[in-house]
Protein backbone atom coordinates (compact mmCIF):
# COMPACT_ATOMS: atom_id res chain seq x y z
CA MET A 1 -156.06 -64.05 156.30
CA THR A 2 -159.18 -62.79 158.79
CA ASP A 3 -162.38 -64.12 157.87
CA ARG A 4 -164.49 -61.63 159.10
CA ALA A 5 -167.84 -62.86 158.46
CA LYS A 6 -166.97 -65.07 161.18
CA ILE A 7 -166.89 -62.56 163.90
CA MET A 8 -170.37 -62.89 165.23
CA PRO A 9 -171.83 -60.73 167.56
CA PRO A 10 -172.14 -61.88 171.44
CA ALA A 11 -175.26 -64.05 172.78
CA GLN A 12 -178.25 -61.93 173.24
CA GLY A 13 -177.69 -59.47 176.43
CA GLU A 14 -174.09 -60.16 176.34
CA PRO A 15 -171.73 -57.50 175.87
CA TRP A 16 -168.52 -56.63 174.16
CA LEU A 17 -165.64 -56.74 176.49
CA LEU A 18 -163.15 -54.28 175.88
CA THR A 19 -160.55 -55.68 178.19
CA PRO A 20 -157.12 -57.09 177.89
CA GLY A 21 -158.72 -60.54 179.16
CA PRO A 22 -160.76 -62.13 179.86
CA LEU A 23 -162.58 -61.18 176.33
CA THR A 24 -165.24 -61.68 174.13
CA THR A 25 -164.78 -65.47 172.85
CA SER A 26 -166.50 -67.22 169.72
CA LEU A 27 -169.94 -69.31 170.31
CA ALA A 28 -167.39 -72.60 168.98
CA VAL A 29 -165.13 -71.74 172.18
CA LYS A 30 -167.95 -71.53 174.71
CA GLN A 31 -169.46 -74.60 172.85
CA ALA A 32 -166.39 -76.42 173.20
CA MET A 33 -166.79 -76.59 177.17
CA LEU A 34 -170.33 -78.38 176.56
CA ARG A 35 -168.66 -81.45 177.52
CA ASP A 36 -166.91 -82.91 180.66
CA TRP A 37 -163.71 -85.18 180.77
CA GLY A 38 -161.73 -86.97 183.03
CA SER A 39 -158.62 -85.51 183.64
CA TRP A 40 -156.76 -88.94 183.91
CA ASP A 41 -158.02 -89.84 180.72
CA SER A 42 -155.87 -91.18 177.32
CA ASP A 43 -157.58 -88.72 175.21
CA PHE A 44 -157.40 -85.72 177.93
CA ARG A 45 -154.04 -86.27 178.14
CA ALA A 46 -153.79 -85.97 174.35
CA MET A 47 -155.53 -82.80 174.82
CA THR A 48 -152.82 -81.55 176.81
CA ALA A 49 -150.08 -83.05 174.31
CA GLU A 50 -151.84 -80.81 171.44
CA LEU A 51 -152.10 -77.85 173.45
CA ARG A 52 -148.32 -77.99 174.60
CA SER A 53 -147.01 -79.23 170.96
CA ARG A 54 -149.14 -75.70 169.21
CA LEU A 55 -148.01 -73.43 171.61
CA LEU A 56 -144.46 -74.76 170.96
CA SER A 57 -144.88 -74.05 167.37
CA MET A 58 -145.63 -70.33 167.58
CA LEU A 59 -142.15 -69.85 168.73
CA GLY A 60 -141.16 -71.02 165.09
CA ALA A 61 -137.85 -72.61 164.32
CA GLY A 62 -136.02 -71.67 167.11
CA GLY A 63 -138.09 -73.26 169.64
CA ALA A 64 -136.35 -76.14 169.21
CA ASP A 65 -134.86 -76.19 172.48
CA TYR A 66 -137.90 -75.04 174.40
CA ASP A 67 -140.77 -76.71 176.19
CA CYS A 68 -144.32 -75.85 176.94
CA VAL A 69 -145.90 -76.19 181.27
CA PRO A 70 -149.02 -75.03 181.67
CA VAL A 71 -149.89 -74.52 185.18
CA GLN A 72 -153.31 -73.89 186.78
CA GLY A 73 -154.72 -70.22 187.73
CA SER A 74 -154.54 -66.99 186.55
CA GLY A 75 -151.96 -65.52 185.26
CA THR A 76 -150.21 -63.98 188.19
CA TYR A 77 -150.31 -67.57 188.92
CA VAL A 78 -147.96 -68.46 186.29
CA VAL A 79 -145.66 -65.45 186.47
CA GLU A 80 -144.77 -66.34 190.13
CA ALA A 81 -144.28 -70.21 188.97
CA MET A 82 -141.86 -68.36 186.62
CA LEU A 83 -140.10 -66.34 189.07
CA GLY A 84 -139.88 -68.53 192.14
CA SER A 85 -138.99 -71.75 189.75
CA LEU A 86 -136.17 -70.03 187.61
CA VAL A 87 -134.73 -68.04 189.63
CA PRO A 88 -132.92 -69.29 191.76
CA ARG A 89 -132.75 -68.40 195.58
CA ASP A 90 -129.56 -66.42 195.51
CA GLY A 91 -130.39 -64.83 192.13
CA LYS A 92 -130.46 -61.37 191.31
CA THR A 93 -133.12 -59.94 189.27
CA LEU A 94 -133.50 -56.41 187.38
CA VAL A 95 -137.38 -55.81 187.58
CA LEU A 96 -138.04 -53.14 184.82
CA ALA A 97 -141.38 -51.27 185.16
CA ASN A 98 -143.26 -48.74 183.60
CA GLY A 99 -146.91 -49.57 185.41
CA ALA A 100 -148.91 -51.83 187.42
CA TYR A 101 -147.77 -55.40 186.15
CA GLY A 102 -143.69 -54.18 186.31
CA GLN A 103 -144.53 -53.39 190.19
CA ARG A 104 -146.27 -56.57 190.42
CA THR A 105 -143.10 -58.27 189.34
CA ARG A 106 -141.28 -56.71 192.39
CA ARG A 107 -143.82 -57.22 195.07
CA THR A 108 -144.32 -61.22 193.36
CA LEU A 109 -140.29 -61.15 194.31
CA ASP A 110 -140.48 -59.54 197.45
CA CYS A 111 -142.88 -62.30 198.71
CA LEU A 112 -140.48 -65.02 197.12
CA GLY A 113 -137.49 -63.18 198.99
CA ARG A 114 -135.56 -63.41 196.03
CA ALA A 115 -133.45 -59.83 195.87
CA HIS A 116 -134.24 -57.44 192.60
CA LEU A 117 -133.60 -54.01 191.88
CA LEU A 118 -136.25 -51.96 190.13
CA LEU A 119 -135.86 -50.05 187.27
CA ASP A 120 -139.31 -47.52 187.37
CA LYS A 121 -140.07 -45.86 184.16
CA GLY A 122 -143.40 -44.50 185.39
CA ASP A 123 -146.35 -44.58 183.15
CA TYR A 124 -145.65 -43.04 180.01
CA LEU A 125 -141.76 -44.55 178.55
CA PRO A 126 -140.52 -47.65 177.76
CA PRO A 127 -136.98 -48.98 179.44
CA ARG A 128 -134.28 -48.96 176.37
CA GLY A 129 -132.03 -51.57 176.17
CA ALA A 130 -129.04 -48.82 176.38
CA GLU A 131 -129.92 -47.96 179.77
CA VAL A 132 -130.23 -51.84 180.65
CA ALA A 133 -127.05 -52.45 179.77
CA ALA A 134 -125.89 -49.84 181.74
CA ILE A 135 -127.23 -51.13 185.12
CA LEU A 136 -126.37 -54.47 184.15
CA ALA A 137 -122.44 -53.47 183.74
CA GLY A 138 -122.63 -51.57 187.33
CA ASP A 139 -124.42 -54.70 189.20
CA PRO A 140 -122.47 -57.97 188.12
CA ASP A 141 -124.94 -59.68 190.89
CA ILE A 142 -127.67 -59.08 189.36
CA THR A 143 -128.56 -62.51 187.21
CA HIS A 144 -131.88 -61.94 185.38
CA VAL A 145 -133.77 -59.40 183.88
CA ALA A 146 -137.55 -59.34 184.14
CA VAL A 147 -139.81 -57.56 181.59
CA VAL A 148 -143.59 -57.12 180.55
CA HIS A 149 -143.75 -57.15 176.81
CA CYS A 150 -147.06 -55.25 176.90
CA GLU A 151 -147.66 -53.38 179.99
CA THR A 152 -151.76 -53.44 179.24
CA SER A 153 -152.02 -50.70 182.54
CA SER A 154 -150.96 -47.74 180.16
CA GLY A 155 -151.21 -50.27 176.81
CA ILE A 156 -147.76 -49.56 176.44
CA LEU A 157 -145.29 -52.32 173.85
CA ASN A 158 -142.55 -52.25 175.30
CA PRO A 159 -138.85 -52.92 173.05
CA ILE A 160 -138.05 -56.35 174.11
CA GLY A 161 -135.50 -57.19 171.13
CA GLU A 162 -133.16 -54.46 172.32
CA ILE A 163 -133.90 -55.44 175.56
CA ALA A 164 -132.88 -59.05 175.10
CA GLU A 165 -130.04 -57.96 172.83
CA ALA A 166 -128.37 -56.37 175.88
CA VAL A 167 -129.35 -58.78 178.37
CA GLU A 168 -127.71 -61.30 176.00
CA ALA A 169 -124.58 -59.24 175.55
CA ALA A 170 -124.04 -58.80 179.26
CA GLY A 171 -124.64 -62.83 179.45
CA ARG A 172 -127.33 -62.70 182.11
CA ARG A 173 -130.93 -64.18 181.40
CA LEU A 174 -134.04 -62.77 180.46
CA LEU A 175 -137.87 -63.68 181.77
CA ILE A 176 -140.75 -62.08 179.63
CA ASP A 177 -143.96 -61.68 181.07
CA SER A 178 -145.87 -61.72 177.95
CA MET A 179 -149.19 -62.24 179.21
CA SER A 180 -151.33 -59.92 176.84
CA ALA A 181 -149.32 -59.96 173.73
CA PHE A 182 -148.14 -63.49 173.41
CA GLY A 183 -150.46 -65.16 170.09
CA ALA A 184 -150.48 -61.75 168.89
CA LEU A 185 -147.04 -60.20 169.07
CA PRO A 186 -143.91 -62.68 167.58
CA VAL A 187 -141.64 -63.51 170.19
CA GLU A 188 -139.16 -65.84 168.47
CA PRO A 189 -135.86 -67.02 169.92
CA ALA A 190 -134.30 -66.78 166.96
CA HIS A 191 -135.12 -63.41 167.28
CA VAL A 192 -135.80 -62.82 170.65
CA ARG A 193 -133.07 -64.44 172.98
CA PHE A 194 -134.87 -65.74 176.22
CA ASP A 195 -134.87 -68.26 179.07
CA ALA A 196 -138.86 -68.25 179.14
CA LEU A 197 -142.30 -66.34 178.52
CA VAL A 198 -145.38 -66.56 180.15
CA SER A 199 -149.20 -66.01 178.64
CA SER A 200 -152.21 -67.01 179.60
CA ALA A 201 -155.42 -68.78 178.37
CA ASN A 202 -158.13 -65.93 178.14
CA LYS A 203 -155.45 -63.18 176.20
CA CYS A 204 -154.51 -63.08 172.72
CA ILE A 205 -155.19 -66.44 171.83
CA GLU A 206 -159.03 -65.86 172.98
CA GLY A 207 -159.37 -68.85 175.46
CA VAL A 208 -161.20 -68.40 178.42
CA PRO A 209 -159.91 -67.91 181.73
CA GLY A 210 -158.42 -71.11 183.76
CA PHE A 211 -154.61 -71.68 183.47
CA GLY A 212 -151.36 -69.89 182.25
CA PHE A 213 -148.28 -71.11 180.50
CA VAL A 214 -145.07 -70.98 180.53
CA LEU A 215 -142.38 -71.66 176.86
CA ALA A 216 -138.79 -72.01 178.71
CA ARG A 217 -135.57 -73.68 177.52
CA ARG A 218 -135.77 -77.02 178.45
CA ASP A 219 -132.01 -77.10 179.89
CA VAL A 220 -133.63 -73.74 182.59
CA LEU A 221 -136.24 -76.58 183.66
CA ASP A 222 -134.01 -79.32 184.01
CA GLY A 223 -131.82 -76.90 185.92
CA ALA A 224 -134.56 -75.68 188.25
CA ARG A 225 -135.05 -78.30 190.38
CA GLY A 226 -135.13 -77.16 194.09
CA ASN A 227 -135.45 -73.35 193.40
CA SER A 228 -139.51 -73.05 194.14
CA GLN A 229 -140.75 -72.60 197.74
CA SER A 230 -143.91 -73.42 195.95
CA LEU A 231 -145.23 -76.84 195.99
CA SER A 232 -148.32 -76.15 193.29
CA LEU A 233 -146.34 -73.51 191.52
CA ASP A 234 -143.28 -75.52 191.01
CA LEU A 235 -142.64 -75.53 187.39
CA HIS A 236 -139.79 -78.09 187.35
CA ASP A 237 -142.21 -80.88 189.20
CA GLN A 238 -145.08 -79.58 186.84
CA TRP A 239 -142.77 -80.55 183.95
CA ALA A 240 -141.32 -83.38 184.94
CA HIS A 241 -144.43 -85.10 185.62
CA MET A 242 -146.07 -83.92 182.58
CA GLU A 243 -143.17 -85.09 180.47
CA THR A 244 -143.21 -88.67 182.63
CA THR A 245 -147.35 -89.38 182.68
CA GLY A 246 -148.78 -86.54 179.91
CA GLN A 247 -151.07 -85.69 183.06
CA TRP A 248 -151.35 -82.49 185.25
CA ARG A 249 -150.02 -83.09 188.72
CA PHE A 250 -153.29 -81.93 190.14
CA THR A 251 -156.63 -81.16 188.99
CA PRO A 252 -156.84 -79.52 185.38
CA PRO A 253 -159.62 -76.91 184.25
CA THR A 254 -160.52 -79.22 181.49
CA HIS A 255 -163.30 -77.18 180.38
CA THR A 256 -160.72 -74.52 179.85
CA VAL A 257 -158.59 -76.74 178.56
CA ALA A 258 -160.92 -77.90 175.59
CA ALA A 259 -162.33 -74.23 174.69
CA PHE A 260 -158.54 -73.57 174.42
CA LEU A 261 -157.69 -75.92 171.73
CA GLN A 262 -160.93 -74.63 169.97
CA ALA A 263 -158.96 -71.03 170.41
CA LEU A 264 -155.75 -72.20 168.99
CA ARG A 265 -157.17 -73.98 165.95
CA ALA A 266 -158.82 -70.64 165.00
CA HIS A 267 -156.11 -68.74 165.64
CA GLU A 268 -153.85 -71.14 163.20
CA ALA A 269 -156.86 -70.88 160.67
CA GLU A 270 -156.89 -66.78 160.95
CA GLY A 271 -153.38 -66.64 160.00
CA GLY A 272 -151.06 -67.63 163.13
CA VAL A 273 -149.47 -64.71 165.19
CA ALA A 274 -149.25 -62.56 161.89
CA GLY A 275 -153.17 -62.68 160.97
CA ARG A 276 -154.11 -62.00 164.64
CA GLY A 277 -151.95 -58.84 165.26
CA ALA A 278 -152.82 -57.74 161.93
CA ARG A 279 -156.39 -57.69 163.03
CA TYR A 280 -155.60 -56.18 166.35
CA ALA A 281 -153.61 -53.34 164.69
CA ARG A 282 -157.02 -52.94 162.51
CA ASN A 283 -158.49 -52.56 165.70
CA ARG A 284 -156.24 -49.97 167.61
CA ASP A 285 -156.07 -47.71 164.61
CA VAL A 286 -159.73 -47.25 163.73
CA LEU A 287 -159.86 -46.93 167.32
CA VAL A 288 -157.47 -44.34 167.77
CA ALA A 289 -158.50 -42.48 164.96
CA GLY A 290 -162.34 -42.60 165.80
CA MET A 291 -161.57 -41.31 169.67
CA ARG A 292 -159.03 -38.55 168.52
CA GLN A 293 -162.15 -37.11 166.46
CA LEU A 294 -164.22 -36.95 169.48
CA GLY A 295 -161.45 -34.99 170.87
CA PHE A 296 -159.90 -37.64 173.38
CA GLU A 297 -155.96 -37.81 173.66
CA THR A 298 -153.82 -40.85 173.79
CA LEU A 299 -151.73 -41.79 177.43
CA LEU A 300 -149.06 -42.68 174.50
CA ASP A 301 -147.04 -41.42 171.60
CA ASP A 302 -148.12 -43.06 168.67
CA ARG A 303 -144.43 -45.08 168.30
CA TRP A 304 -145.54 -46.67 171.73
CA LEU A 305 -148.69 -47.65 171.15
CA SER A 306 -149.48 -51.16 171.00
CA PRO A 307 -152.81 -53.16 169.38
CA ILE A 308 -153.56 -54.71 172.81
CA ILE A 309 -155.19 -51.86 174.91
CA VAL A 310 -155.13 -48.24 174.37
CA THR A 311 -154.93 -45.40 177.80
CA PHE A 312 -156.69 -42.49 176.94
CA PHE A 313 -156.93 -39.58 179.08
CA CYS A 314 -159.97 -38.81 181.08
CA PRO A 315 -161.78 -35.07 179.33
CA ASP A 316 -161.04 -31.90 181.76
CA ASP A 317 -164.56 -30.90 181.06
CA PRO A 318 -166.31 -30.64 184.37
CA ALA A 319 -169.41 -32.88 183.02
CA PHE A 320 -167.38 -35.67 182.75
CA ALA A 321 -166.99 -38.08 185.16
CA PHE A 322 -165.85 -41.76 184.60
CA ASP A 323 -168.36 -43.91 186.42
CA ARG A 324 -171.53 -42.18 184.36
CA PHE A 325 -169.44 -42.54 181.06
CA TYR A 326 -168.91 -46.12 182.12
CA ASP A 327 -172.54 -46.60 182.70
CA LEU A 328 -173.27 -45.21 179.48
CA MET A 329 -171.25 -47.11 177.31
CA LYS A 330 -171.77 -50.54 179.40
CA ALA A 331 -175.73 -49.37 178.35
CA LYS A 332 -174.42 -49.98 174.56
CA GLY A 333 -172.93 -53.09 175.22
CA PHE A 334 -169.68 -52.19 176.33
CA ILE A 335 -167.68 -53.09 178.84
CA ILE A 336 -164.62 -50.55 179.06
CA TYR A 337 -161.52 -50.54 181.72
CA PRO A 338 -161.09 -48.03 184.44
CA GLY A 339 -157.18 -46.35 183.90
CA LYS A 340 -154.48 -47.91 186.15
CA LEU A 341 -152.46 -45.32 186.12
CA THR A 342 -150.51 -43.06 188.95
CA VAL A 343 -150.64 -39.41 188.16
CA VAL A 344 -153.65 -39.15 185.54
CA ASP A 345 -157.26 -39.87 185.51
CA SER A 346 -157.44 -42.24 182.76
CA PHE A 347 -159.71 -44.85 180.68
CA ARG A 348 -158.44 -47.83 178.74
CA ILE A 349 -160.60 -49.48 175.69
CA GLY A 350 -159.08 -53.12 174.35
CA CYS A 351 -158.47 -53.59 170.77
CA ILE A 352 -158.82 -57.71 171.40
CA GLY A 353 -160.99 -60.46 171.45
CA GLN A 354 -163.79 -61.79 168.86
CA MET A 355 -163.90 -58.35 167.07
CA ASP A 356 -163.53 -56.35 164.47
CA GLU A 357 -162.74 -52.78 163.15
CA GLY A 358 -166.75 -53.14 162.36
CA VAL A 359 -167.28 -53.43 166.36
CA MET A 360 -164.54 -50.53 166.60
CA THR A 361 -166.75 -48.06 164.72
CA GLN A 362 -169.90 -49.06 166.65
CA VAL A 363 -167.29 -48.00 170.09
CA ILE A 364 -166.65 -44.77 169.41
CA ALA A 365 -170.45 -43.91 168.26
CA ALA A 366 -171.11 -45.04 171.53
CA ALA A 367 -168.37 -43.26 173.27
CA GLY A 368 -170.12 -40.22 171.36
CA ASP A 369 -173.41 -40.48 171.99
CA ALA A 370 -172.13 -40.90 175.70
CA LEU A 371 -170.51 -37.35 175.79
CA ARG A 372 -173.86 -35.99 174.61
CA ASP A 373 -175.64 -37.56 176.96
CA MET A 374 -173.29 -35.82 179.52
CA GLY A 375 -173.55 -32.75 178.22
CA VAL A 376 -169.41 -32.97 177.46
CA THR A 377 -168.61 -30.30 174.85
CA ASP A 378 -164.51 -31.13 174.80
CA ALA A 379 -163.17 -34.36 175.51
CA ARG A 380 -159.53 -32.92 175.56
CA PRO A 381 -157.79 -33.83 178.69
CA PRO A 382 -155.97 -30.96 181.33
CA ALA A 383 -153.87 -29.17 179.84
CA ALA A 384 -150.69 -30.44 182.38
CA ALA A 385 -151.34 -33.88 181.27
CA LEU A 386 -150.38 -33.08 177.50
CA ILE A 387 -147.38 -30.80 178.27
CA GLU A 388 -146.29 -34.24 180.43
CA ARG A 389 -146.63 -36.29 177.70
CA ALA A 390 -144.22 -34.17 175.59
CA ARG A 391 -141.91 -33.27 177.88
CA LEU A 392 -141.32 -37.05 178.10
CA ALA A 393 -141.84 -38.14 174.84
CA ALA A 394 -139.10 -35.16 174.01
């Protein structure tokens, strides 16, 4: 259970980060970065071992066949490491896209020179297991399927369970970008069969930026020798070196690792994935109800809303301007995110980080104040946006 008394406001002058990461972190996580560590020292090697072990434990009983490979850099680095190392050079990947990050997977495969096929679902809808099965049945050259667990450009939560079933039934391999979901939503190999998933230190585990990690089957890692065309993003080489020496191949983000260990311990104390996910779900529910009461509309139908981030349509009222709305929210201490959609104007508000439903209540009050300051009397979006949402959700 969450000890809500431990959710403390940021330090004086710091805003709440209502984003999909980097996000608001606890004081204890910040304080963990105040000590320097030697990257080759036995104490730091022990920290790396603990980090890997704790992450693997989140996979549940089905995780015995997996290993954890941390990789320096942002989340995009580790996605590229997974694709470039685990998809053979003669492989072909079905990319399931319904937003910017699925499209980034496609672009990464382009840069890697890996063959791929794109299923583009637009901004509103998830890929479904049946259509994945049909594509795989029609194209025997496809070896892998890549999916984003939570597509934060819209906030949609993709149904990876049914997608995994379709991929397994077709005898193909599943790669999951769980960047913004792992740690708050369960991804257990006992229930969702996958070769590898990736996430990052500065997402639902509430650490700070600096590295990502891959949780992959050991046999898949062992078979990945020679696949990568990159030195620094070669997962097999990074894994083999860590297994042999306990060390990172190149300079690790030592302070970020120390902060992440503190975040992992807090994650466990909160109740693990279930506890963290429950707090985020409460944040989402309070946020969505309050914003709708102000007149805002969510991009997505309720059944696809994730507890990670929510996309709202911009109001059609001519007095509304997102840049002004952003500045007014920032003045109240809240950093929100602009939209990242292709067809409508929108903005996003994150539900993750060191905050609870009490903070979300303050967010709603700040949004209401911002509308009044701007002279916005109607927060509803253009009618065409609602018609399109209803048509696609039917």
